[in-house]
Amino acid sequence: MTITKLIALERGNTANSNGADVANTVNQIIDGEQLINDLSQAYEFSTVALFKASLIEFPDGKTIRLLDRGADFTKIIGTGTANGFNIIASTSVSQSIDLINESPVNVKQWGATGDGVTDDRLAIFAAMDYVSAISGTLYFPIGDYRMTAGYTNSGANNDIRLLGEGVNRENLKTPQVGSTITLDSTNPGTFFYKQSSRHFLQVEGMIFRSAQYAGNRKYFIFDSGGAVHNFQNVNFENVEKPINYTANCYFQNAAFRDVQFRASGTFHSESNSIIGTLLLLDNVNHESTVPLNSDKVVCDLRGIREIQGTNFLLEGSLAETGWTIIRT
């Protein structure tokens, strides 16, 4: 019916069309309808917004490729529970598409931009919820992911892995382009990741920075009740206490740069194990405030069951008079 109407319209417009024009237009529509209904081929939109505005109704199971997300979605039965991240609803017709997740899960495909300006927290939260439910890996391509609030893992699963790129042993202490989480909040309680009694957190190839330090007390990663966490090729910058953990942390190529302590921190724990290769404290300072303990120790490792360290480097680190940087 669509083709018949178009032919009639074109034939009536003799000033601007001829038989060749009509045939070409008809062929384009036929090809378009074939692409729409062919489930073996993806239909592409350059942006999420263009998909939402489109009047095309796709068959269930059709693959929709959103180029700005770099991801494929599937047209699902009904409208689903649209959230703008992994399930996107059309604003023009009654249909939704569901993200086809890769392994590892790519945070940009969930809508994070990594442009250093956009607040990516909601997209990251949604992706973290998904990864937490499957005990999977969340991949952060190179970029600066700005967050104004932190994520709390309250799910029932463990074994979560956060994977970035651009950080390695050679460039560990030098500012570099990599997968960066930037906390941008004036709230002293802001953290990137918080969990309670979740085990086996793994972080690899990530940079953690605080955009607003002054007057704040922040943790990048705060754990209560968890055990056996693994950090490899990570860089922590401009924060009071990078990590609070409960039991057994393993570090390989970890840098703590421009860290400001106002009380015992960094390895702030109870009687647990620390095993590390190339632990770097660079430009670590201490401010004069009331410490958490009366011993005035920045990194208090006493009471820890096991300490194994290779290439433990202190560089440009200062403590107030009467304070100790590390005590074992």
C-alpha atoms as a PDB file:
ATOM      1  CA  MET A   1       0.000   0.000   0.000  1.00  0.00           C
ATOM      2  CA  THR A   2       2.818   2.408   0.763  1.00  0.00           C
ATOM      3  CA  ILE A   3       4.370   1.803  -2.652  1.00  0.00           C
ATOM      4  CA  THR A   4       1.049   2.317  -4.506  1.00  0.00           C
ATOM      5  CA  LYS A   5       0.507   5.681  -2.835  1.00  0.00           C
ATOM      6  CA  LEU A   6       4.040   6.784  -3.643  1.00  0.00           C
ATOM      7  CA  ILE A   7       3.694   5.820  -7.320  1.00  0.00           C
ATOM      8  CA  ALA A   8       0.463   7.792  -7.596  1.00  0.00           C
ATOM      9  CA  LEU A   9       2.082  10.794  -5.972  1.00  0.00           C
ATOM     10  CA  GLU A  10       5.132  10.682  -8.210  1.00  0.00           C
ATOM     11  CA  ARG A  11       3.077  10.247 -11.378  1.00  0.00           C
ATOM     12  CA  GLY A  12       1.043  13.289 -10.496  1.00  0.00           C
ATOM     13  CA  ASN A  13       4.180  15.374 -10.117  1.00  0.00           C
ATOM     14  CA  THR A  14       5.181  15.392 -13.775  1.00  0.00           C
ATOM     15  CA  ALA A  15       7.358  18.472 -13.425  1.00  0.00           C
ATOM     16  CA  ASN A  16       9.813  16.837 -11.051  1.00  0.00           C
ATOM     17  CA  SER A  17       9.772  13.133 -11.813  1.00  0.00           C
ATOM     18  CA  ASN A  18       9.959  10.575 -14.547  1.00  0.00           C
ATOM     19  CA  GLY A  19       9.655   6.828 -14.826  1.00  0.00           C
ATOM     20  CA  ALA A  20      13.260   6.287 -13.700  1.00  0.00           C
ATOM     21  CA  ASP A  21      12.723   8.378 -10.552  1.00  0.00           C
ATOM     22  CA  VAL A  22       9.623   6.402  -9.644  1.00  0.00           C
ATOM     23  CA  ALA A  23      11.347   3.064 -10.170  1.00  0.00           C
ATOM     24  CA  ASN A  24      14.340   4.137  -8.066  1.00  0.00           C
ATOM     25  CA  THR A  25      12.137   5.350  -5.209  1.00  0.00           C
ATOM     26  CA  VAL A  26      10.082   2.152  -5.242  1.00  0.00           C
ATOM     27  CA  ASN A  27      13.247   0.040  -5.160  1.00  0.00           C
ATOM     28  CA  GLN A  28      14.569   2.005  -2.160  1.00  0.00           C
ATOM     29  CA  ILE A  29      11.360   1.400  -0.216  1.00  0.00           C
ATOM     30  CA  ILE A  30      11.361  -2.295  -1.065  1.00  0.00           C
ATOM     31  CA  ASP A  31      15.006  -2.573   0.034  1.00  0.00           C
ATOM     32  CA  GLY A  32      14.210  -0.667   3.236  1.00  0.00           C
ATOM     33  CA  GLU A  33      11.290  -2.929   4.091  1.00  0.00           C
ATOM     34  CA  GLN A  34      13.450  -5.972   3.480  1.00  0.00           C
ATOM     35  CA  LEU A  35      16.115  -4.618   5.840  1.00  0.00           C
ATOM     36  CA  ILE A  36      13.535  -3.801   8.501  1.00  0.00           C
ATOM     37  CA  ASN A  37      12.064  -7.291   8.439  1.00  0.00           C
ATOM     38  CA  ASP A  38      15.252  -9.289   7.846  1.00  0.00           C
ATOM     39  CA  LEU A  39      16.268 -10.546  11.316  1.00  0.00           C
ATOM     40  CA  SER A  40      19.707 -11.567  10.046  1.00  0.00           C
ATOM     41  CA  GLN A  41      20.770  -7.949   9.482  1.00  0.00           C
ATOM     42  CA  ALA A  42      21.114  -5.064  11.929  1.00  0.00           C
ATOM     43  CA  TYR A  43      19.339  -1.750  11.360  1.00  0.00           C
ATOM     44  CA  GLU A  44      21.602   1.181  12.268  1.00  0.00           C
ATOM     45  CA  PHE A  45      20.922   4.525  13.917  1.00  0.00           C
ATOM     46  CA  SER A  46      23.737   6.999  14.471  1.00  0.00           C
ATOM     47  CA  THR A  47      22.349   8.102  17.858  1.00  0.00           C
ATOM     48  CA  VAL A  48      19.970   6.978  20.584  1.00  0.00           C
ATOM     49  CA  ALA A  49      17.896  10.093  19.935  1.00  0.00           C
ATOM     50  CA  LEU A  50      17.330   9.152  16.290  1.00  0.00           C
ATOM     51  CA  PHE A  51      16.092   5.701  17.275  1.00  0.00           C
ATOM     52  CA  LYS A  52      13.672   7.204  19.786  1.00  0.00           C
ATOM     53  CA  ALA A  53      12.301   9.605  17.182  1.00  0.00           C
ATOM     54  CA  SER A  54      11.963   7.034  14.398  1.00  0.00           C
ATOM     55  CA  LEU A  55       8.464   5.979  13.294  1.00  0.00           C
ATOM     56  CA  ILE A  56       9.686   2.609  12.030  1.00  0.00           C
ATOM     57  CA  GLU A  57       8.121  -0.331  13.865  1.00  0.00           C
ATOM     58  CA  PHE A  58      10.560  -3.233  14.012  1.00  0.00           C
ATOM     59  CA  PRO A  59       9.694  -6.919  14.352  1.00  0.00           C
ATOM     60  CA  ASP A  60      10.486  -8.656  17.638  1.00  0.00           C
ATOM     61  CA  GLY A  61      14.045  -9.965  17.674  1.00  0.00           C
ATOM     62  CA  LYS A  62      15.361  -7.362  15.223  1.00  0.00           C
ATOM     63  CA  THR A  63      18.919  -6.180  15.950  1.00  0.00           C
ATOM     64  CA  ILE A  64      19.200  -2.399  16.299  1.00  0.00           C
ATOM     65  CA  ARG A  65      22.713  -0.956  16.199  1.00  0.00           C
ATOM     66  CA  LEU A  66      23.266   2.384  17.968  1.00  0.00           C
ATOM     67  CA  LEU A  67      26.526   3.821  16.706  1.00  0.00           C
ATOM     68  CA  ASP A  68      26.955   6.411  19.468  1.00  0.00           C
ATOM     69  CA  ARG A  69      26.836   3.594  22.028  1.00  0.00           C
ATOM     70  CA  GLY A  70      28.931   1.241  19.903  1.00  0.00           C
ATOM     71  CA  ALA A  71      26.435  -1.458  20.799  1.00  0.00           C
ATOM     72  CA  ASP A  72      23.767  -3.757  19.431  1.00  0.00           C
ATOM     73  CA  PHE A  73      20.287  -3.976  20.941  1.00  0.00           C
ATOM     74  CA  THR A  74      17.395  -6.374  20.340  1.00  0.00           C
ATOM     75  CA  LYS A  75      13.780  -5.321  19.733  1.00  0.00           C
ATOM     76  CA  ILE A  76      11.892  -6.957  22.591  1.00  0.00           C
ATOM     77  CA  ILE A  77       8.284  -8.044  22.979  1.00  0.00           C
ATOM     78  CA  GLY A  78       6.323  -5.207  24.536  1.00  0.00           C
ATOM     79  CA  THR A  79       7.890  -2.040  25.860  1.00  0.00           C
ATOM     80  CA  GLY A  80       9.851  -3.573  28.744  1.00  0.00           C
ATOM     81  CA  THR A  81      11.013  -1.580  31.723  1.00  0.00           C
ATOM     82  CA  ALA A  82      12.851   1.211  29.948  1.00  0.00           C
ATOM     83  CA  ASN A  83      15.655   2.893  31.886  1.00  0.00           C
ATOM     84  CA  GLY A  84      17.661   4.642  29.182  1.00  0.00           C
ATOM     85  CA  PHE A  85      20.710   2.471  29.838  1.00  0.00           C
ATOM     86  CA  ASN A  86      20.277  -1.150  28.762  1.00  0.00           C
ATOM     87  CA  ILE A  87      16.580  -0.894  27.853  1.00  0.00           C
ATOM     88  CA  ILE A  88      15.668   2.059  25.646  1.00  0.00           C
ATOM     89  CA  ALA A  89      12.095   2.953  24.717  1.00  0.00           C
ATOM     90  CA  SER A  90      10.998   4.724  21.571  1.00  0.00           C
ATOM     91  CA  THR A  91       9.253   8.040  22.101  1.00  0.00           C
ATOM     92  CA  SER A  92       7.391   7.729  18.796  1.00  0.00           C
ATOM     93  CA  VAL A  93       6.003   4.177  18.669  1.00  0.00           C
ATOM     94  CA  SER A  94       5.314   1.501  21.271  1.00  0.00           C
ATOM     95  CA  GLN A  95       8.561  -0.465  21.251  1.00  0.00           C
ATOM     96  CA  SER A  96      11.761  -0.927  23.260  1.00  0.00           C
ATOM     97  CA  ILE A  97      15.182  -2.402  22.610  1.00  0.00           C
ATOM     98  CA  ASP A  98      17.381  -4.367  25.020  1.00  0.00           C
ATOM     99  CA  LEU A  99      21.200  -4.159  25.086  1.00  0.00           C
ATOM    100  CA  ILE A 100      23.100  -7.235  23.916  1.00  0.00           C
ATOM    101  CA  ASN A 101      25.836  -7.250  26.552  1.00  0.00           C
ATOM    102  CA  GLU A 102      29.343  -8.303  25.674  1.00  0.00           C
ATOM    103  CA  SER A 103      31.805  -9.993  27.982  1.00  0.00           C
ATOM    104  CA  PRO A 104      33.207  -8.026  29.667  1.00  0.00           C
ATOM    105  CA  VAL A 105      30.328  -5.580  30.026  1.00  0.00           C
ATOM    106  CA  ASN A 106      31.298  -2.230  28.462  1.00  0.00           C
ATOM    107  CA  VAL A 107      30.238   0.756  30.586  1.00  0.00           C
ATOM    108  CA  LYS A 108      30.036   3.028  27.517  1.00  0.00           C
ATOM    109  CA  GLN A 109      27.436   0.763  25.953  1.00  0.00           C
ATOM    110  CA  TRP A 110      25.278   1.521  28.996  1.00  0.00           C
ATOM    111  CA  GLY A 111      25.490   5.249  28.280  1.00  0.00           C
ATOM    112  CA  ALA A 112      28.587   6.419  30.166  1.00  0.00           C
ATOM    113  CA  THR A 113      30.482   9.018  28.135  1.00  0.00           C
ATOM    114  CA  GLY A 114      33.915   9.175  29.759  1.00  0.00           C
ATOM    115  CA  ASP A 115      34.219  12.786  28.563  1.00  0.00           C
ATOM    116  CA  GLY A 116      35.224  14.227  31.961  1.00  0.00           C
ATOM    117  CA  VAL A 117      32.265  16.629  31.925  1.00  0.00           C
ATOM    118  CA  THR A 118      29.091  14.539  31.978  1.00  0.00           C
ATOM    119  CA  ASP A 119      28.050  13.023  35.293  1.00  0.00           C
ATOM    120  CA  ASP A 120      28.295   9.337  34.381  1.00  0.00           C
ATOM    121  CA  ARG A 121      27.218   8.016  37.773  1.00  0.00           C
ATOM    122  CA  LEU A 122      23.734   6.791  36.803  1.00  0.00           C
ATOM    123  CA  ALA A 123      24.995   4.828  33.803  1.00  0.00           C
ATOM    124  CA  ILE A 124      27.806   3.373  35.929  1.00  0.00           C
ATOM    125  CA  PHE A 125      25.358   2.502  38.721  1.00  0.00           C
ATOM    126  CA  ALA A 126      23.082   0.668  36.279  1.00  0.00           C
ATOM    127  CA  ALA A 127      25.987  -1.262  34.770  1.00  0.00           C
ATOM    128  CA  MET A 128      27.343  -2.100  38.236  1.00  0.00           C
ATOM    129  CA  ASP A 129      23.947  -3.475  39.279  1.00  0.00           C
ATOM    130  CA  TYR A 130      23.980  -5.755  36.260  1.00  0.00           C
ATOM    131  CA  VAL A 131      27.577  -6.895  36.806  1.00  0.00           C
ATOM    132  CA  SER A 132      26.978  -7.465  40.519  1.00  0.00           C
ATOM    133  CA  ALA A 133      24.042  -9.740  39.740  1.00  0.00           C
ATOM    134  CA  ILE A 134      26.146 -11.990  37.499  1.00  0.00           C
ATOM    135  CA  SER A 135      29.495 -11.687  39.344  1.00  0.00           C
ATOM    136  CA  GLY A 136      31.011 -10.363  36.144  1.00  0.00           C
ATOM    137  CA  THR A 137      33.497  -7.829  34.791  1.00  0.00           C
ATOM    138  CA  LEU A 138      32.760  -4.165  34.058  1.00  0.00           C
ATOM    139  CA  TYR A 139      35.104  -2.684  31.456  1.00  0.00           C
ATOM    140  CA  PHE A 140      35.964   1.034  31.393  1.00  0.00           C
ATOM    141  CA  PRO A 141      37.507   2.066  28.034  1.00  0.00           C
ATOM    142  CA  ILE A 142      40.066   4.880  28.230  1.00  0.00           C
ATOM    143  CA  GLY A 143      38.297   8.048  29.333  1.00  0.00           C
ATOM    144  CA  ASP A 144      37.520  10.231  32.338  1.00  0.00           C
ATOM    145  CA  TYR A 145      34.344   9.057  34.052  1.00  0.00           C
ATOM    146  CA  ARG A 146      33.055  11.848  36.274  1.00  0.00           C
ATOM    147  CA  MET A 147      30.866  10.846  39.211  1.00  0.00           C
ATOM    148  CA  THR A 148      29.171  13.078  41.777  1.00  0.00           C
ATOM    149  CA  ALA A 149      28.208  10.187  44.046  1.00  0.00           C
ATOM    150  CA  GLY A 150      29.406   6.667  44.763  1.00  0.00           C
ATOM    151  CA  TYR A 151      28.065   3.189  44.161  1.00  0.00           C
ATOM    152  CA  THR A 152      27.032   0.838  46.968  1.00  0.00           C
ATOM    153  CA  ASN A 153      27.110  -2.868  46.208  1.00  0.00           C
ATOM    154  CA  SER A 154      24.385  -4.363  48.353  1.00  0.00           C
ATOM    155  CA  GLY A 155      23.724  -7.401  46.175  1.00  0.00           C
ATOM    156  CA  ALA A 156      24.092 -11.012  47.157  1.00  0.00           C
ATOM    157  CA  ASN A 157      26.925 -11.894  44.783  1.00  0.00           C
ATOM    158  CA  ASN A 158      30.672 -11.554  45.029  1.00  0.00           C
ATOM    159  CA  ASP A 159      33.634 -11.760  42.675  1.00  0.00           C
ATOM    160  CA  ILE A 160      33.227  -8.375  40.963  1.00  0.00           C
ATOM    161  CA  ARG A 161      35.945  -7.162  38.584  1.00  0.00           C
ATOM    162  CA  LEU A 162      36.526  -3.576  37.425  1.00  0.00           C
ATOM    163  CA  LEU A 163      38.782  -3.483  34.366  1.00  0.00           C
ATOM    164  CA  GLY A 164      40.430  -0.467  32.745  1.00  0.00           C
ATOM    165  CA  GLU A 165      43.411   0.192  30.504  1.00  0.00           C
ATOM    166  CA  GLY A 166      46.333   2.573  30.092  1.00  0.00           C
ATOM    167  CA  VAL A 167      47.946   1.988  33.502  1.00  0.00           C
ATOM    168  CA  ASN A 168      50.979  -0.263  33.815  1.00  0.00           C
ATOM    169  CA  ARG A 169      54.187  -0.643  35.778  1.00  0.00           C
ATOM    170  CA  GLU A 170      56.146   1.689  33.487  1.00  0.00           C
ATOM    171  CA  ASN A 171      53.817   4.707  33.771  1.00  0.00           C
ATOM    172  CA  LEU A 172      52.467   4.023  37.242  1.00  0.00           C
ATOM    173  CA  LYS A 173      53.591   7.252  38.912  1.00  0.00           C
ATOM    174  CA  THR A 174      53.336   9.608  35.936  1.00  0.00           C
ATOM    175  CA  PRO A 175      50.009  11.248  35.040  1.00  0.00           C
ATOM    176  CA  GLN A 176      48.761   9.437  31.989  1.00  0.00           C
ATOM    177  CA  VAL A 177      45.765   8.895  29.765  1.00  0.00           C
ATOM    178  CA  GLY A 178      43.887   5.894  31.054  1.00  0.00           C
ATOM    179  CA  SER A 179      40.617   4.619  32.438  1.00  0.00           C
ATOM    180  CA  THR A 180      39.954   7.248  35.091  1.00  0.00           C
ATOM    181  CA  ILE A 181      37.268   7.590  37.737  1.00  0.00           C
ATOM    182  CA  THR A 182      37.009  11.205  38.926  1.00  0.00           C
ATOM    183  CA  LEU A 183      34.993  11.851  42.066  1.00  0.00           C
ATOM    184  CA  ASP A 184      33.577  15.368  41.917  1.00  0.00           C
ATOM    185  CA  SER A 185      31.671  16.133  45.089  1.00  0.00           C
ATOM    186  CA  THR A 186      31.873  18.434  48.088  1.00  0.00           C
ATOM    187  CA  ASN A 187      30.324  15.735  50.264  1.00  0.00           C
ATOM    188  CA  PRO A 188      33.003  14.455  52.682  1.00  0.00           C
ATOM    189  CA  GLY A 189      31.433  11.010  52.606  1.00  0.00           C
ATOM    190  CA  THR A 190      31.755  10.534  48.853  1.00  0.00           C
ATOM    191  CA  PHE A 191      33.329   7.270  47.734  1.00  0.00           C
ATOM    192  CA  PHE A 192      33.569   5.466  44.400  1.00  0.00           C
ATOM    193  CA  TYR A 193      32.692   1.950  45.498  1.00  0.00           C
ATOM    194  CA  LYS A 194      31.302   0.713  48.793  1.00  0.00           C
ATOM    195  CA  GLN A 195      30.387  -2.796  49.745  1.00  0.00           C
ATOM    196  CA  SER A 196      29.423  -4.736  52.832  1.00  0.00           C
ATOM    197  CA  SER A 197      30.449  -8.372  53.299  1.00  0.00           C
ATOM    198  CA  ARG A 198      31.146  -8.803  49.587  1.00  0.00           C
ATOM    199  CA  HIS A 199      34.292 -10.765  48.741  1.00  0.00           C
ATOM    200  CA  PHE A 200      36.866 -10.926  45.945  1.00  0.00           C
ATOM    201  CA  LEU A 201      36.730  -7.399  44.533  1.00  0.00           C
ATOM    202  CA  GLN A 202      39.243  -7.095  41.686  1.00  0.00           C
ATOM    203  CA  VAL A 203      40.429  -3.782  40.225  1.00  0.00           C
ATOM    204  CA  GLU A 204      42.856  -3.650  37.309  1.00  0.00           C
ATOM    205  CA  GLY A 205      44.195  -0.823  35.140  1.00  0.00           C
ATOM    206  CA  MET A 206      42.320   2.053  36.787  1.00  0.00           C
ATOM    207  CA  ILE A 207      43.108   5.613  37.913  1.00  0.00           C
ATOM    208  CA  PHE A 208      41.100   7.074  40.806  1.00  0.00           C
ATOM    209  CA  ARG A 209      41.144  10.856  41.313  1.00  0.00           C
ATOM    210  CA  SER A 210      39.323  13.351  43.467  1.00  0.00           C
ATOM    211  CA  ALA A 211      38.359  16.612  41.773  1.00  0.00           C
ATOM    212  CA  GLN A 212      37.574  18.371  45.069  1.00  0.00           C
ATOM    213  CA  TYR A 213      39.834  17.497  47.946  1.00  0.00           C
ATOM    214  CA  ALA A 214      39.951  20.460  50.302  1.00  0.00           C
ATOM    215  CA  GLY A 215      38.097  19.880  53.525  1.00  0.00           C
ATOM    216  CA  ASN A 216      36.902  16.449  52.525  1.00  0.00           C
ATOM    217  CA  ARG A 217      37.432  12.978  53.903  1.00  0.00           C
ATOM    218  CA  LYS A 218      36.980  10.445  51.166  1.00  0.00           C
ATOM    219  CA  TYR A 219      37.508   6.797  50.492  1.00  0.00           C
ATOM    220  CA  PHE A 220      37.741   5.614  46.924  1.00  0.00           C
ATOM    221  CA  ILE A 221      36.955   2.062  47.951  1.00  0.00           C
ATOM    222  CA  PHE A 222      35.310   1.260  51.264  1.00  0.00           C
ATOM    223  CA  ASP A 223      34.712  -2.294  52.392  1.00  0.00           C
ATOM    224  CA  SER A 224      33.104  -3.627  55.534  1.00  0.00           C
ATOM    225  CA  GLY A 225      33.157  -7.346  56.153  1.00  0.00           C
ATOM    226  CA  GLY A 226      34.676  -8.426  52.832  1.00  0.00           C
ATOM    227  CA  ALA A 227      37.869 -10.363  52.237  1.00  0.00           C
ATOM    228  CA  VAL A 228      40.589 -11.071  49.669  1.00  0.00           C
ATOM    229  CA  HIS A 229      40.646  -8.108  47.300  1.00  0.00           C
ATOM    230  CA  ASN A 230      43.079  -7.775  44.404  1.00  0.00           C
ATOM    231  CA  PHE A 231      44.439  -4.507  42.973  1.00  0.00           C
ATOM    232  CA  GLN A 232      46.728  -4.537  39.921  1.00  0.00           C
ATOM    233  CA  ASN A 233      48.068  -1.531  37.988  1.00  0.00           C
ATOM    234  CA  VAL A 234      46.077   1.052  39.938  1.00  0.00           C
ATOM    235  CA  ASN A 235      46.765   4.697  40.690  1.00  0.00           C
ATOM    236  CA  PHE A 236      45.097   6.602  43.550  1.00  0.00           C
ATOM    237  CA  GLU A 237      45.414  10.400  43.570  1.00  0.00           C
ATOM    238  CA  ASN A 238      44.360  13.307  45.760  1.00  0.00           C
ATOM    239  CA  VAL A 239      42.320  11.616  48.458  1.00  0.00           C
ATOM    240  CA  GLU A 240      42.504  11.166  52.194  1.00  0.00           C
ATOM    241  CA  LYS A 241      42.142   7.405  52.495  1.00  0.00           C
ATOM    242  CA  PRO A 242      42.286   5.462  49.236  1.00  0.00           C
ATOM    243  CA  ILE A 243      41.114   2.122  50.604  1.00  0.00           C
ATOM    244  CA  ASN A 244      39.415   0.850  53.707  1.00  0.00           C
ATOM    245  CA  TYR A 245      39.242  -2.916  53.750  1.00  0.00           C
ATOM    246  CA  THR A 246      38.541  -5.675  56.205  1.00  0.00           C
ATOM    247  CA  ALA A 247      40.693  -8.634  55.229  1.00  0.00           C
ATOM    248  CA  ASN A 248      43.545  -9.638  52.966  1.00  0.00           C
ATOM    249  CA  CYS A 249      44.417  -7.235  50.149  1.00  0.00           C
ATOM    250  CA  TYR A 250      46.776  -8.101  47.307  1.00  0.00           C
ATOM    251  CA  PHE A 251      48.505  -5.319  45.367  1.00  0.00           C
ATOM    252  CA  GLN A 252      50.599  -5.448  42.217  1.00  0.00           C
ATOM    253  CA  ASN A 253      51.879  -2.141  40.850  1.00  0.00           C
ATOM    254  CA  ALA A 254      49.848   0.232  43.024  1.00  0.00           C
ATOM    255  CA  ALA A 255      50.605   3.949  43.283  1.00  0.00           C
ATOM    256  CA  PHE A 256      49.251   6.339  45.909  1.00  0.00           C
ATOM    257  CA  ARG A 257      49.962   9.847  44.593  1.00  0.00           C
ATOM    258  CA  ASP A 258      49.276  13.221  46.188  1.00  0.00           C
ATOM    259  CA  VAL A 259      47.516  11.498  49.048  1.00  0.00           C
ATOM    260  CA  GLN A 260      46.674  13.550  52.121  1.00  0.00           C
ATOM    261  CA  PHE A 261      46.146  11.731  55.396  1.00  0.00           C
ATOM    262  CA  ARG A 262      44.266  13.205  58.317  1.00  0.00           C
ATOM    263  CA  ALA A 263      44.348  10.005  60.329  1.00  0.00           C
ATOM    264  CA  SER A 264      45.571   6.444  59.956  1.00  0.00           C
ATOM    265  CA  GLY A 265      44.807   5.425  56.409  1.00  0.00           C
ATOM    266  CA  THR A 266      45.760   3.663  53.169  1.00  0.00           C
ATOM    267  CA  PHE A 267      46.008   0.238  54.760  1.00  0.00           C
ATOM    268  CA  HIS A 268      43.354   0.909  57.337  1.00  0.00           C
ATOM    269  CA  SER A 269      42.417  -2.501  58.653  1.00  0.00           C
ATOM    270  CA  GLU A 270      42.532  -4.978  61.435  1.00  0.00           C
ATOM    271  CA  SER A 271      44.623  -8.147  61.689  1.00  0.00           C
ATOM    272  CA  ASN A 272      44.820  -9.183  58.060  1.00  0.00           C
ATOM    273  CA  SER A 273      47.290  -9.824  55.260  1.00  0.00           C
ATOM    274  CA  ILE A 274      48.896  -7.475  52.755  1.00  0.00           C
ATOM    275  CA  ILE A 275      50.808  -8.896  49.809  1.00  0.00           C
ATOM    276  CA  GLY A 276      52.174  -6.361  47.351  1.00  0.00           C
ATOM    277  CA  THR A 277      54.527  -5.924  44.424  1.00  0.00           C
ATOM    278  CA  LEU A 278      55.750  -2.401  43.638  1.00  0.00           C
ATOM    279  CA  LEU A 279      53.810  -0.392  46.184  1.00  0.00           C
ATOM    280  CA  LEU A 280      54.534   3.286  45.606  1.00  0.00           C
ATOM    281  CA  LEU A 281      53.815   6.155  47.981  1.00  0.00           C
ATOM    282  CA  ASP A 282      54.534   9.360  46.062  1.00  0.00           C
ATOM    283  CA  ASN A 283      54.126  12.846  47.524  1.00  0.00           C
ATOM    284  CA  VAL A 284      52.209  11.572  50.523  1.00  0.00           C
ATOM    285  CA  ASN A 285      51.660  14.176  53.222  1.00  0.00           C
ATOM    286  CA  HIS A 286      49.946  14.369  56.559  1.00  0.00           C
ATOM    287  CA  GLU A 287      47.876  17.178  58.043  1.00  0.00           C
ATOM    288  CA  SER A 288      47.736  18.016  61.734  1.00  0.00           C
ATOM    289  CA  THR A 289      44.378  16.822  62.951  1.00  0.00           C
ATOM    290  CA  VAL A 290      43.218  14.390  65.586  1.00  0.00           C
ATOM    291  CA  PRO A 291      44.316  10.901  64.500  1.00  0.00           C
ATOM    292  CA  LEU A 292      42.177   7.811  64.681  1.00  0.00           C
ATOM    293  CA  ASN A 293      44.722   6.338  67.056  1.00  0.00           C
ATOM    294  CA  SER A 294      47.155   7.908  69.471  1.00  0.00           C
ATOM    295  CA  ASP A 295      50.213   6.341  67.837  1.00  0.00           C
ATOM    296  CA  LYS A 296      50.319   8.861  64.983  1.00  0.00           C
ATOM    297  CA  VAL A 297      51.027   6.389  62.187  1.00  0.00           C
ATOM    298  CA  VAL A 298      49.964   7.065  58.606  1.00  0.00           C
ATOM    299  CA  CYS A 299      50.204   3.443  57.391  1.00  0.00           C
ATOM    300  CA  ASP A 300      49.836   1.239  60.434  1.00  0.00           C
ATOM    301  CA  LEU A 301      50.651  -2.331  59.487  1.00  0.00           C
ATOM    302  CA  ARG A 302      51.102  -3.652  63.002  1.00  0.00           C
ATOM    303  CA  GLY A 303      49.050  -6.695  63.880  1.00  0.00           C
ATOM    304  CA  ILE A 304      48.725  -7.727  60.258  1.00  0.00           C
ATOM    305  CA  ARG A 305      49.277 -11.439  59.874  1.00  0.00           C
ATOM    306  CA  GLU A 306      51.352 -11.348  56.729  1.00  0.00           C
ATOM    307  CA  ILE A 307      53.214  -8.604  54.876  1.00  0.00           C
ATOM    308  CA  GLN A 308      54.996  -9.397  51.636  1.00  0.00           C
ATOM    309  CA  GLY A 309      56.390  -6.492  49.670  1.00  0.00           C
ATOM    310  CA  THR A 310      58.611  -6.094  46.621  1.00  0.00           C
ATOM    311  CA  ASN A 311      59.874  -2.658  45.558  1.00  0.00           C
ATOM    312  CA  PHE A 312      58.056  -0.727  48.251  1.00  0.00           C
ATOM    313  CA  LEU A 313      58.993   2.844  47.294  1.00  0.00           C
ATOM    314  CA  LEU A 314      58.508   6.018  49.323  1.00  0.00           C
ATOM    315  CA  GLU A 315      59.107   9.200  47.344  1.00  0.00           C
ATOM    316  CA  GLY A 316      58.473  12.790  48.371  1.00  0.00           C
ATOM    317  CA  SER A 317      56.447  11.653  51.352  1.00  0.00           C
ATOM    318  CA  LEU A 318      56.147  13.847  54.423  1.00  0.00           C
ATOM    319  CA  ALA A 319      54.598  13.521  57.840  1.00  0.00           C
ATOM    320  CA  GLU A 320      53.995  16.052  60.569  1.00  0.00           C
ATOM    321  CA  THR A 321      56.456  16.142  63.454  1.00  0.00           C
ATOM    322  CA  GLY A 322      55.985  13.109  65.635  1.00  0.00           C
ATOM    323  CA  TRP A 323      54.242  11.129  62.907  1.00  0.00           C
ATOM    324  CA  THR A 324      55.440   7.914  61.263  1.00  0.00           C
ATOM    325  CA  ILE A 325      54.715   7.162  57.599  1.00  0.00           C
ATOM    326  CA  ILE A 326      54.798   3.367  57.968  1.00  0.00           C
ATOM    327  CA  ARG A 327      55.043   1.171  61.019  1.00  0.00           C
ATOM    328  CA  THR A 328      55.147  -2.608  60.930  1.00  0.00           C
END
